[in-house]
C-alpha cells in the first residue's frame, strides 16, 4: 500500500512526498476529504497535521483551535462517514519537553 497525503504545504514540502499521491488542500475541507476517501481504498488514517508550538499557541489560540480541534473533528467525521475505523494520531513533540538529543525517544528524561 502506498500512502496518500493531504497537505496544505504551509509547513510541508511537496518534494518530500515520494511514495504516493499528494493532494494539496485543507484538512477542514469536506469536499477534498470526500474525494480522497472515495477515490482510494483507505484502511487507516495517520493524522500529523496538528500545530505544535506551545508559545505560538498562547499568542494565536484561535489558529490552534481551528486547526487542532475543529479541523480534526471534521476529519474524524469524514473518516466515520467513509467507514474507516483506524486512526493514528500523532502527539505533540512538546510532550517530551526539551530534548537531550535528536532524535527524541520516549525513554528520555525531562
PDB file of N, CA and C in Angstrom:
ATOM      1  N   UNK A   1       0.840  -1.191   0.000  1.00  0.00           N
ATOM      2  CA  UNK A   1       0.000   0.000   0.000  1.00  0.00           C
ATOM      3  C   UNK A   1       0.881   1.249   0.000  1.00  0.00           C
ATOM      4  N   UNK A   2       0.437   2.232  -0.731  1.00  0.00           N
ATOM      5  CA  UNK A   2       1.150   3.492  -0.786  1.00  0.00           C
ATOM      6  C   UNK A   2       0.395   4.527   0.043  1.00  0.00           C
ATOM      7  N   UNK A   3       1.129   5.408   0.709  1.00  0.00           N
ATOM      8  CA  UNK A   3       0.448   6.459   1.468  1.00  0.00           C
ATOM      9  C   UNK A   3      -0.180   7.486   0.540  1.00  0.00           C
ATOM     10  N   UNK A   4      -1.284   8.036   0.974  1.00  0.00           N
ATOM     11  CA  UNK A   4      -1.963   9.120   0.280  1.00  0.00           C
ATOM     12  C   UNK A   4      -1.844  10.326   1.201  1.00  0.00           C
ATOM     13  N   UNK A   5      -1.312  11.411   0.698  1.00  0.00           N
ATOM     14  CA  UNK A   5      -1.006  12.561   1.540  1.00  0.00           C
ATOM     15  C   UNK A   5      -1.922  13.729   1.201  1.00  0.00           C
ATOM     16  N   UNK A   6      -2.492  14.329   2.252  1.00  0.00           N
ATOM     17  CA  UNK A   6      -3.198  15.600   2.132  1.00  0.00           C
ATOM     18  C   UNK A   6      -2.389  16.611   2.931  1.00  0.00           C
ATOM     19  N   UNK A   7      -1.972  17.692   2.286  1.00  0.00           N
ATOM     20  CA  UNK A   7      -1.157  18.707   2.954  1.00  0.00           C
ATOM     21  C   UNK A   7      -1.470  20.053   2.311  1.00  0.00           C
ATOM     22  N   UNK A   8      -1.528  21.092   3.116  1.00  0.00           N
ATOM     23  CA  UNK A   8      -1.719  22.428   2.551  1.00  0.00           C
ATOM     24  C   UNK A   8      -0.384  23.071   2.181  1.00  0.00           C
ATOM     25  N   UNK A   9       0.708  22.397   2.478  1.00  0.00           N
ATOM     26  CA  UNK A   9       2.074  22.814   2.161  1.00  0.00           C
ATOM     27  C   UNK A   9       2.477  24.128   2.832  1.00  0.00           C
ATOM     28  N   UNK A  10       1.751  24.526   3.888  1.00  0.00           N
ATOM     29  CA  UNK A  10       2.151  25.727   4.620  1.00  0.00           C
ATOM     30  C   UNK A  10       3.443  25.478   5.399  1.00  0.00           C
ATOM     31  N   UNK A  11       3.648  24.253   5.836  1.00  0.00           N
ATOM     32  CA  UNK A  11       4.881  23.876   6.534  1.00  0.00           C
ATOM     33  C   UNK A  11       5.549  22.669   5.896  1.00  0.00           C
ATOM     34  N   UNK A  12       4.846  21.994   4.996  1.00  0.00           N
ATOM     35  CA  UNK A  12       5.371  20.799   4.345  1.00  0.00           C
ATOM     36  C   UNK A  12       6.002  21.125   3.000  1.00  0.00           C
ATOM     37  N   UNK A  13       6.569  20.113   2.403  1.00  0.00           N
ATOM     38  CA  UNK A  13       7.264  20.282   1.124  1.00  0.00           C
ATOM     39  C   UNK A  13       6.832  19.170   0.176  1.00  0.00           C
ATOM     40  N   UNK A  14       6.330  19.539  -0.992  1.00  0.00           N
ATOM     41  CA  UNK A  14       5.818  18.526  -1.917  1.00  0.00           C
ATOM     42  C   UNK A  14       6.891  17.541  -2.347  1.00  0.00           C
ATOM     43  N   UNK A  15       8.162  17.958  -2.382  1.00  0.00           N
ATOM     44  CA  UNK A  15       9.217  17.035  -2.773  1.00  0.00           C
ATOM     45  C   UNK A  15       9.470  15.941  -1.724  1.00  0.00           C
ATOM     46  N   UNK A  16       8.899  16.105  -0.541  1.00  0.00           N
ATOM     47  CA  UNK A  16       9.025  15.072   0.496  1.00  0.00           C
ATOM     48  C   UNK A  16       8.042  13.925   0.299  1.00  0.00           C
ATOM     49  N   UNK A  17       7.042  14.118  -0.553  1.00  0.00           N
ATOM     50  CA  UNK A  17       6.048  13.085  -0.826  1.00  0.00           C
ATOM     51  C   UNK A  17       6.555  12.275  -2.015  1.00  0.00           C
ATOM     52  N   UNK A  18       7.081  11.086  -1.723  1.00  0.00           N
ATOM     53  CA  UNK A  18       7.757  10.298  -2.753  1.00  0.00           C
ATOM     54  C   UNK A  18       7.074   8.985  -3.090  1.00  0.00           C
ATOM     55  N   UNK A  19       6.188   8.495  -2.237  1.00  0.00           N
ATOM     56  CA  UNK A  19       5.715   7.121  -2.406  1.00  0.00           C
ATOM     57  C   UNK A  19       4.231   6.999  -2.674  1.00  0.00           C
ATOM     58  N   UNK A  20       3.548   8.070  -2.948  1.00  0.00           N
ATOM     59  CA  UNK A  20       2.122   8.012  -3.220  1.00  0.00           C
ATOM     60  C   UNK A  20       1.621   9.376  -3.651  1.00  0.00           C
ATOM     61  N   UNK A  21       0.324   9.482  -3.929  1.00  0.00           N
ATOM     62  CA  UNK A  21      -0.217  10.745  -4.410  1.00  0.00           C
ATOM     63  C   UNK A  21      -0.262  11.823  -3.325  1.00  0.00           C
ATOM     64  N   UNK A  22      -0.117  13.062  -3.767  1.00  0.00           N
ATOM     65  CA  UNK A  22      -0.231  14.232  -2.903  1.00  0.00           C
ATOM     66  C   UNK A  22      -1.452  15.033  -3.328  1.00  0.00           C
ATOM     67  N   UNK A  23      -2.325  15.300  -2.369  1.00  0.00           N
ATOM     68  CA  UNK A  23      -3.444  16.207  -2.569  1.00  0.00           C
ATOM     69  C   UNK A  23      -3.115  17.481  -1.799  1.00  0.00           C
ATOM     70  N   UNK A  24      -3.178  18.614  -2.460  1.00  0.00           N
ATOM     71  CA  UNK A  24      -2.913  19.885  -1.809  1.00  0.00           C
ATOM     72  C   UNK A  24      -4.254  20.505  -1.448  1.00  0.00           C
ATOM     73  N   UNK A  25      -4.453  20.706  -0.162  1.00  0.00           N
ATOM     74  CA  UNK A  25      -5.711  21.262   0.309  1.00  0.00           C
ATOM     75  C   UNK A  25      -5.729  21.343   1.819  1.00  0.00           C
ATOM     76  N   UNK A  26      -6.870  21.738   2.337  1.00  0.00           N
ATOM     77  CA  UNK A  26      -7.029  21.945   3.774  1.00  0.00           C
ATOM     78  C   UNK A  26      -7.718  20.756   4.441  1.00  0.00           C
ATOM     79  N   UNK A  27      -7.294  20.464   5.632  1.00  0.00           N
ATOM     80  CA  UNK A  27      -7.852  19.357   6.409  1.00  0.00           C
ATOM     81  C   UNK A  27      -9.334  19.574   6.728  1.00  0.00           C
ATOM     82  N   UNK A  28      -9.764  20.830   6.800  1.00  0.00           N
ATOM     83  CA  UNK A  28     -11.162  21.096   7.146  1.00  0.00           C
ATOM     84  C   UNK A  28     -12.052  21.287   5.903  1.00  0.00           C
ATOM     85  N   UNK A  29     -11.589  20.807   4.762  1.00  0.00           N
ATOM     86  CA  UNK A  29     -12.371  20.890   3.526  1.00  0.00           C
ATOM     87  C   UNK A  29     -13.064  19.550   3.295  1.00  0.00           C
ATOM     88  N   UNK A  30     -14.362  19.458   3.605  1.00  0.00           N
ATOM     89  CA  UNK A  30     -15.048  18.169   3.471  1.00  0.00           C
ATOM     90  C   UNK A  30     -15.076  17.647   2.042  1.00  0.00           C
ATOM     91  N   UNK A  31     -15.042  18.543   1.056  1.00  0.00           N
ATOM     92  CA  UNK A  31     -15.069  18.116  -0.341  1.00  0.00           C
ATOM     93  C   UNK A  31     -13.799  17.353  -0.717  1.00  0.00           C
ATOM     94  N   UNK A  32     -12.643  17.871  -0.354  1.00  0.00           N
ATOM     95  CA  UNK A  32     -11.404  17.179  -0.706  1.00  0.00           C
ATOM     96  C   UNK A  32     -11.269  15.875   0.081  1.00  0.00           C
ATOM     97  N   UNK A  33     -11.723  15.879   1.336  1.00  0.00           N
ATOM     98  CA  UNK A  33     -11.683  14.636   2.121  1.00  0.00           C
ATOM     99  C   UNK A  33     -12.572  13.577   1.478  1.00  0.00           C
ATOM    100  N   UNK A  34     -13.780  13.963   1.090  1.00  0.00           N
ATOM    101  CA  UNK A  34     -14.691  13.016   0.454  1.00  0.00           C
ATOM    102  C   UNK A  34     -14.106  12.496  -0.852  1.00  0.00           C
ATOM    103  N   UNK A  35     -13.486  13.388  -1.614  1.00  0.00           N
ATOM    104  CA  UNK A  35     -12.859  12.991  -2.875  1.00  0.00           C
ATOM    105  C   UNK A  35     -11.756  11.960  -2.625  1.00  0.00           C
ATOM    106  N   UNK A  36     -10.897  12.234  -1.667  1.00  0.00           N
ATOM    107  CA  UNK A  36      -9.790  11.322  -1.361  1.00  0.00           C
ATOM    108  C   UNK A  36     -10.338   9.973  -0.887  1.00  0.00           C
ATOM    109  N   UNK A  37     -11.262  10.003   0.058  1.00  0.00           N
ATOM    110  CA  UNK A  37     -11.788   8.753   0.620  1.00  0.00           C
ATOM    111  C   UNK A  37     -12.596   7.960  -0.403  1.00  0.00           C
ATOM    112  N   UNK A  38     -13.205   8.631  -1.366  1.00  0.00           N
ATOM    113  CA  UNK A  38     -13.966   7.931  -2.396  1.00  0.00           C
ATOM    114  C   UNK A  38     -13.066   7.331  -3.478  1.00  0.00           C
ATOM    115  N   UNK A  39     -11.958   7.969  -3.776  1.00  0.00           N
ATOM    116  CA  UNK A  39     -11.050   7.504  -4.829  1.00  0.00           C
ATOM    117  C   UNK A  39     -10.144   6.351  -4.397  1.00  0.00           C
ATOM    118  N   UNK A  40      -9.892   6.245  -3.103  1.00  0.00           N
ATOM    119  CA  UNK A  40      -8.900   5.291  -2.626  1.00  0.00           C
ATOM    120  C   UNK A  40      -9.517   4.326  -1.610  1.00  0.00           C
ATOM    121  N   UNK A  41      -8.995   3.122  -1.563  1.00  0.00           N
ATOM    122  CA  UNK A  41      -9.425   2.121  -0.591  1.00  0.00           C
ATOM    123  C   UNK A  41      -8.574   2.295   0.671  1.00  0.00           C
ATOM    124  N   UNK A  42      -8.983   3.223   1.509  1.00  0.00           N
ATOM    125  CA  UNK A  42      -8.198   3.592   2.683  1.00  0.00           C
ATOM    126  C   UNK A  42      -8.598   2.719   3.867  1.00  0.00           C
ATOM    127  N   UNK A  43      -7.604   2.124   4.496  1.00  0.00           N
ATOM    128  CA  UNK A  43      -7.822   1.242   5.657  1.00  0.00           C
ATOM    129  C   UNK A  43      -7.596   1.964   6.975  1.00  0.00           C
ATOM    130  N   UNK A  44      -6.724   2.978   6.971  1.00  0.00           N
ATOM    131  CA  UNK A  44      -6.392   3.711   8.199  1.00  0.00           C
ATOM    132  C   UNK A  44      -5.939   5.114   7.828  1.00  0.00           C
ATOM    133  N   UNK A  45      -6.069   6.035   8.776  1.00  0.00           N
ATOM    134  CA  UNK A  45      -5.636   7.416   8.596  1.00  0.00           C
ATOM    135  C   UNK A  45      -4.579   7.724   9.644  1.00  0.00           C
ATOM    136  N   UNK A  46      -3.515   8.375   9.209  1.00  0.00           N
ATOM    137  CA  UNK A  46      -2.478   8.860  10.117  1.00  0.00           C
ATOM    138  C   UNK A  46      -2.554  10.385  10.089  1.00  0.00           C
ATOM    139  N   UNK A  47      -2.827  10.974  11.239  1.00  0.00           N
ATOM    140  CA  UNK A  47      -3.054  12.422  11.335  1.00  0.00           C
ATOM    141  C   UNK A  47      -1.832  13.095  11.967  1.00  0.00           C
ATOM    142  N   UNK A  48      -1.109  13.858  11.153  1.00  0.00           N
ATOM    143  CA  UNK A  48       0.072  14.587  11.619  1.00  0.00           C
ATOM    144  C   UNK A  48      -0.073  16.081  11.356  1.00  0.00           C
ATOM    145  N   UNK A  49      -1.283  16.577  11.209  1.00  0.00           N
ATOM    146  CA  UNK A  49      -1.496  17.959  10.773  1.00  0.00           C
ATOM    147  C   UNK A  49      -1.666  18.947  11.913  1.00  0.00           C
ATOM    148  N   UNK A  50      -1.455  18.525  13.148  1.00  0.00           N
ATOM    149  CA  UNK A  50      -1.628  19.432  14.270  1.00  0.00           C
ATOM    150  C   UNK A  50      -0.492  20.429  14.398  1.00  0.00           C
ATOM    151  N   UNK A  51      -0.838  21.659  14.770  1.00  0.00           N
ATOM    152  CA  UNK A  51       0.190  22.637  15.107  1.00  0.00           C
ATOM    153  C   UNK A  51       0.729  22.293  16.489  1.00  0.00           C
ATOM    154  N   UNK A  52       2.017  22.527  16.721  1.00  0.00           N
ATOM    155  CA  UNK A  52       2.599  22.029  17.976  1.00  0.00           C
ATOM    156  C   UNK A  52       3.444  23.044  18.742  1.00  0.00           C
ATOM    157  N   UNK A  53       3.481  24.298  18.336  1.00  0.00           N
ATOM    158  CA  UNK A  53       4.340  25.257  19.022  1.00  0.00           C
ATOM    159  C   UNK A  53       3.593  25.897  20.192  1.00  0.00           C
ATOM    160  N   UNK A  54       3.996  25.534  21.395  1.00  0.00           N
ATOM    161  CA  UNK A  54       3.288  25.975  22.596  1.00  0.00           C
ATOM    162  C   UNK A  54       3.273  27.491  22.700  1.00  0.00           C
ATOM    163  N   UNK A  55       4.409  28.134  22.499  1.00  0.00           N
ATOM    164  CA  UNK A  55       4.469  29.592  22.587  1.00  0.00           C
ATOM    165  C   UNK A  55       3.530  30.267  21.606  1.00  0.00           C
ATOM    166  N   UNK A  56       3.552  29.805  20.364  1.00  0.00           N
ATOM    167  CA  UNK A  56       2.670  30.386  19.350  1.00  0.00           C
ATOM    168  C   UNK A  56       1.199  30.134  19.698  1.00  0.00           C
ATOM    169  N   UNK A  57       0.909  28.993  20.289  1.00  0.00           N
ATOM    170  CA  UNK A  57      -0.493  28.681  20.633  1.00  0.00           C
ATOM    171  C   UNK A  57      -1.038  29.648  21.683  1.00  0.00           C
ATOM    172  N   UNK A  58      -0.168  30.188  22.507  1.00  0.00           N
ATOM    173  CA  UNK A  58      -0.604  31.164  23.510  1.00  0.00           C
ATOM    174  C   UNK A  58      -0.870  32.524  22.871  1.00  0.00           C
ATOM    175  N   UNK A  59      -0.149  32.842  21.816  1.00  0.00           N
ATOM    176  CA  UNK A  59      -0.305  34.110  21.120  1.00  0.00           C
ATOM    177  C   UNK A  59      -1.465  34.045  20.116  1.00  0.00           C
ATOM    178  N   UNK A  60      -1.641  32.879  19.479  1.00  0.00           N
ATOM    179  CA  UNK A  60      -2.672  32.701  18.450  1.00  0.00           C
ATOM    180  C   UNK A  60      -3.575  31.509  18.777  1.00  0.00           C
ATOM    181  N   UNK A  61      -4.308  31.569  19.878  1.00  0.00           N
ATOM    182  CA  UNK A  61      -5.099  30.396  20.281  1.00  0.00           C
ATOM    183  C   UNK A  61      -6.187  30.014  19.280  1.00  0.00           C
ATOM    184  N   UNK A  62      -6.795  30.973  18.593  1.00  0.00           N
ATOM    185  CA  UNK A  62      -7.852  30.630  17.634  1.00  0.00           C
ATOM    186  C   UNK A  62      -7.301  29.853  16.446  1.00  0.00           C
ATOM    187  N   UNK A  63      -6.099  30.196  16.014  1.00  0.00           N
ATOM    188  CA  UNK A  63      -5.446  29.451  14.931  1.00  0.00           C
ATOM    189  C   UNK A  63      -5.273  27.989  15.337  1.00  0.00           C
ATOM    190  N   UNK A  64      -4.856  27.769  16.560  1.00  0.00           N
ATOM    191  CA  UNK A  64      -4.640  26.407  17.052  1.00  0.00           C
ATOM    192  C   UNK A  64      -5.959  25.682  17.280  1.00  0.00           C
ATOM    193  N   UNK A  65      -6.961  26.390  17.789  1.00  0.00           N
ATOM    194  CA  UNK A  65      -8.272  25.774  17.979  1.00  0.00           C
ATOM    195  C   UNK A  65      -8.835  25.327  16.628  1.00  0.00           C
ATOM    196  N   UNK A  66      -8.793  26.220  15.634  1.00  0.00           N
ATOM    197  CA  UNK A  66      -9.351  25.897  14.316  1.00  0.00           C
ATOM    198  C   UNK A  66      -8.660  24.686  13.708  1.00  0.00           C
ATOM    199  N   UNK A  67      -7.348  24.644  13.769  1.00  0.00           N
ATOM    200  CA  UNK A  67      -6.600  23.553  13.139  1.00  0.00           C
ATOM    201  C   UNK A  67      -6.634  22.274  13.974  1.00  0.00           C
ATOM    202  N   UNK A  68      -6.305  22.390  15.246  1.00  0.00           N
ATOM    203  CA  UNK A  68      -6.108  21.190  16.058  1.00  0.00           C
ATOM    204  C   UNK A  68      -7.393  20.578  16.588  1.00  0.00           C
ATOM    205  N   UNK A  69      -8.442  21.363  16.698  1.00  0.00           N
ATOM    206  CA  UNK A  69      -9.702  20.824  17.225  1.00  0.00           C
ATOM    207  C   UNK A  69     -10.767  20.768  16.125  1.00  0.00           C
ATOM    208  N   UNK A  70     -11.123  21.931  15.583  1.00  0.00           N
ATOM    209  CA  UNK A  70     -12.230  21.964  14.609  1.00  0.00           C
ATOM    210  C   UNK A  70     -11.905  21.156  13.352  1.00  0.00           C
ATOM    211  N   UNK A  71     -10.730  21.354  12.768  1.00  0.00           N
ATOM    212  CA  UNK A  71     -10.381  20.613  11.549  1.00  0.00           C
ATOM    213  C   UNK A  71     -10.268  19.117  11.830  1.00  0.00           C
ATOM    214  N   UNK A  72      -9.739  18.773  12.994  1.00  0.00           N
ATOM    215  CA  UNK A  72      -9.629  17.354  13.350  1.00  0.00           C
ATOM    216  C   UNK A  72     -11.005  16.728  13.520  1.00  0.00           C
ATOM    217  N   UNK A  73     -11.954  17.453  14.097  1.00  0.00           N
ATOM    218  CA  UNK A  73     -13.320  16.929  14.219  1.00  0.00           C
ATOM    219  C   UNK A  73     -13.937  16.697  12.841  1.00  0.00           C
ATOM    220  N   UNK A  74     -13.678  17.602  11.905  1.00  0.00           N
ATOM    221  CA  UNK A  74     -14.163  17.407  10.538  1.00  0.00           C
ATOM    222  C   UNK A  74     -13.546  16.180   9.893  1.00  0.00           C
ATOM    223  N   UNK A  75     -12.252  15.988  10.109  1.00  0.00           N
ATOM    224  CA  UNK A  75     -11.576  14.793   9.594  1.00  0.00           C
ATOM    225  C   UNK A  75     -12.188  13.538  10.199  1.00  0.00           C
ATOM    226  N   UNK A  76     -12.388  13.534  11.507  1.00  0.00           N
ATOM    227  CA  UNK A  76     -12.964  12.354  12.161  1.00  0.00           C
ATOM    228  C   UNK A  76     -14.365  12.056  11.635  1.00  0.00           C
ATOM    229  N   UNK A  77     -15.145  13.084  11.411  1.00  0.00           N
ATOM    230  CA  UNK A  77     -16.488  12.894  10.865  1.00  0.00           C
ATOM    231  C   UNK A  77     -16.418  12.270   9.475  1.00  0.00           C
ATOM    232  N   UNK A  78     -15.518  12.759   8.647  1.00  0.00           N
ATOM    233  CA  UNK A  78     -15.365  12.214   7.293  1.00  0.00           C
ATOM    234  C   UNK A  78     -14.867  10.777   7.331  1.00  0.00           C
ATOM    235  N   UNK A  79     -13.966  10.491   8.250  1.00  0.00           N
ATOM    236  CA  UNK A  79     -13.460   9.121   8.417  1.00  0.00           C
ATOM    237  C   UNK A  79     -14.626   8.182   8.728  1.00  0.00           C
ATOM    238  N   UNK A  80     -15.465   8.580   9.672  1.00  0.00           N
ATOM    239  CA  UNK A  80     -16.620   7.739  10.040  1.00  0.00           C
ATOM    240  C   UNK A  80     -17.601   7.599   8.879  1.00  0.00           C
ATOM    241  N   UNK A  81     -17.838   8.706   8.160  1.00  0.00           N
ATOM    242  CA  UNK A  81     -18.755   8.670   7.011  1.00  0.00           C
ATOM    243  C   UNK A  81     -18.307   7.667   5.947  1.00  0.00           C
ATOM    244  N   UNK A  82     -16.997   7.420   5.867  1.00  0.00           N
ATOM    245  CA  UNK A  82     -16.462   6.517   4.847  1.00  0.00           C
ATOM    246  C   UNK A  82     -16.091   5.148   5.413  1.00  0.00           C
ATOM    247  N   UNK A  83     -16.540   4.859   6.630  1.00  0.00           N
ATOM    248  CA  UNK A  83     -16.379   3.528   7.199  1.00  0.00           C
ATOM    249  C   UNK A  83     -14.958   3.160   7.600  1.00  0.00           C
ATOM    250  N   UNK A  84     -14.111   4.150   7.797  1.00  0.00           N
ATOM    251  CA  UNK A  84     -12.740   3.878   8.231  1.00  0.00           C
ATOM    252  C   UNK A  84     -12.734   3.826   9.752  1.00  0.00           C
ATOM    253  N   UNK A  85     -12.167   2.768  10.302  1.00  0.00           N
ATOM    254  CA  UNK A  85     -12.231   2.598  11.754  1.00  0.00           C
ATOM    255  C   UNK A  85     -10.860   2.584  12.438  1.00  0.00           C
ATOM    256  N   UNK A  86      -9.827   3.050  11.730  1.00  0.00           N
ATOM    257  CA  UNK A  86      -8.490   3.073  12.318  1.00  0.00           C
ATOM    258  C   UNK A  86      -7.847   4.431  12.074  1.00  0.00           C
ATOM    259  N   UNK A  87      -7.286   5.002  13.145  1.00  0.00           N
ATOM    260  CA  UNK A  87      -6.583   6.277  13.031  1.00  0.00           C
ATOM    261  C   UNK A  87      -5.375   6.251  13.964  1.00  0.00           C
ATOM    262  N   UNK A  88      -4.297   6.822  13.483  1.00  0.00           N
ATOM    263  CA  UNK A  88      -3.118   7.065  14.310  1.00  0.00           C
ATOM    264  C   UNK A  88      -3.032   8.569  14.446  1.00  0.00           C
ATOM    265  N   UNK A  89      -3.038   9.032  15.680  1.00  0.00           N
ATOM    266  CA  UNK A  89      -2.983  10.470  15.951  1.00  0.00           C
ATOM    267  C   UNK A  89      -1.646  10.774  16.604  1.00  0.00           C
ATOM    268  N   UNK A  90      -0.888  11.650  15.983  1.00  0.00           N
ATOM    269  CA  UNK A  90       0.440  11.979  16.482  1.00  0.00           C
ATOM    270  C   UNK A  90       0.354  12.992  17.613  1.00  0.00           C
ATOM    271  N   UNK A  91       1.009  12.689  18.703  1.00  0.00           N
ATOM    272  CA  UNK A  91       1.087  13.624  19.817  1.00  0.00           C
ATOM    273  C   UNK A  91       2.097  14.717  19.494  1.00  0.00           C
ATOM    274  N   UNK A  92       2.021  15.793  20.201  1.00  0.00           N
ATOM    275  CA  UNK A  92       2.955  16.896  20.017  1.00  0.00           C
ATOM    276  C   UNK A  92       4.354  16.513  20.474  1.00  0.00           C
ATOM    277  N   UNK A  93       5.344  17.021  19.767  1.00  0.00           N
ATOM    278  CA  UNK A  93       6.728  16.809  20.194  1.00  0.00           C
ATOM    279  C   UNK A  93       6.980  17.498  21.532  1.00  0.00           C
ATOM    280  N   UNK A  94       6.127  18.466  21.896  1.00  0.00           N
ATOM    281  CA  UNK A  94       6.284  19.169  23.169  1.00  0.00           C
ATOM    282  C   UNK A  94       6.006  18.270  24.362  1.00  0.00           C
ATOM    283  N   UNK A  95       5.394  17.115  24.120  1.00  0.00           N
ATOM    284  CA  UNK A  95       5.106  16.171  25.198  1.00  0.00           C
ATOM    285  C   UNK A  95       6.362  15.813  25.986  1.00  0.00           C
ATOM    286  N   UNK A  96       7.486  15.750  25.281  1.00  0.00           N
ATOM    287  CA  UNK A  96       8.724  15.279  25.898  1.00  0.00           C
ATOM    288  C   UNK A  96       9.611  16.409  26.412  1.00  0.00           C
ATOM    289  N   UNK A  97       9.185  17.661  26.344  1.00  0.00           N
ATOM    290  CA  UNK A  97       9.984  18.773  26.823  1.00  0.00           C
ATOM    291  C   UNK A  97      11.179  19.030  25.918  1.00  0.00           C
ATOM    292  N   UNK A  98      12.196  19.683  26.459  1.00  0.00           N
ATOM    293  CA  UNK A  98      13.410  19.970  25.696  1.00  0.00           C
ATOM    294  C   UNK A  98      14.200  18.684  25.533  1.00  0.00           C
ATOM    295  N   UNK A  99      14.517  18.303  24.310  1.00  0.00           N
ATOM    296  CA  UNK A  99      15.209  17.030  24.092  1.00  0.00           C
ATOM    297  C   UNK A  99      16.669  17.076  24.548  1.00  0.00           C
ATOM    298  N   UNK A 100      17.134  15.925  25.049  1.00  0.00           N
ATOM    299  CA  UNK A 100      18.543  15.779  25.398  1.00  0.00           C
ATOM    300  C   UNK A 100      19.371  15.660  24.130  1.00  0.00           C
ATOM    301  N   UNK A 101      18.790  15.048  23.107  1.00  0.00           N
ATOM    302  CA  UNK A 101      19.439  14.879  21.815  1.00  0.00           C
ATOM    303  C   UNK A 101      18.365  14.589  20.778  1.00  0.00           C
ATOM    304  N   UNK A 102      18.753  14.625  19.533  1.00  0.00           N
ATOM    305  CA  UNK A 102      17.831  14.270  18.453  1.00  0.00           C
ATOM    306  C   UNK A 102      18.284  12.955  17.878  1.00  0.00           C
ATOM    307  N   UNK A 103      17.483  12.032  17.618  1.00  0.00           N
ATOM    308  CA  UNK A 103      16.048  12.047  17.660  1.00  0.00           C
ATOM    309  C   UNK A 103      15.557  11.761  19.074  1.00  0.00           C
ATOM    310  N   UNK A 104      14.320  12.171  19.333  1.00  0.00           N
ATOM    311  CA  UNK A 104      13.744  12.063  20.659  1.00  0.00           C
ATOM    312  C   UNK A 104      13.157  10.685  20.859  1.00  0.00           C
ATOM    313  N   UNK A 105      13.546  10.021  21.935  1.00  0.00           N
ATOM    314  CA  UNK A 105      12.946   8.729  22.266  1.00  0.00           C
ATOM    315  C   UNK A 105      12.014   8.905  23.458  1.00  0.00           C
ATOM    316  N   UNK A 106      11.086   7.990  23.606  1.00  0.00           N
ATOM    317  CA  UNK A 106      10.158   8.066  24.729  1.00  0.00           C
ATOM    318  C   UNK A 106      10.852   7.872  26.070  1.00  0.00           C
ATOM    319  N   UNK A 107      12.044   7.266  26.048  1.00  0.00           N
ATOM    320  CA  UNK A 107      12.763   6.998  27.288  1.00  0.00           C
ATOM    321  C   UNK A 107      13.582   8.163  27.816  1.00  0.00           C
ATOM    322  N   UNK A 108      13.689   9.246  27.044  1.00  0.00           N
ATOM    323  CA  UNK A 108      14.472  10.387  27.517  1.00  0.00           C
ATOM    324  C   UNK A 108      13.795  11.043  28.703  1.00  0.00           C
ATOM    325  N   UNK A 109      14.590  11.426  29.688  1.00  0.00           N
ATOM    326  CA  UNK A 109      14.037  12.125  30.862  1.00  0.00           C
ATOM    327  C   UNK A 109      13.856  13.589  30.517  1.00  0.00           C
ATOM    328  N   UNK A 110      13.032  14.245  31.298  1.00  0.00           N
ATOM    329  CA  UNK A 110      12.768  15.666  31.038  1.00  0.00           C
ATOM    330  C   UNK A 110      13.443  16.527  32.056  1.00  0.00           C
TER     331      UNK A 110
END
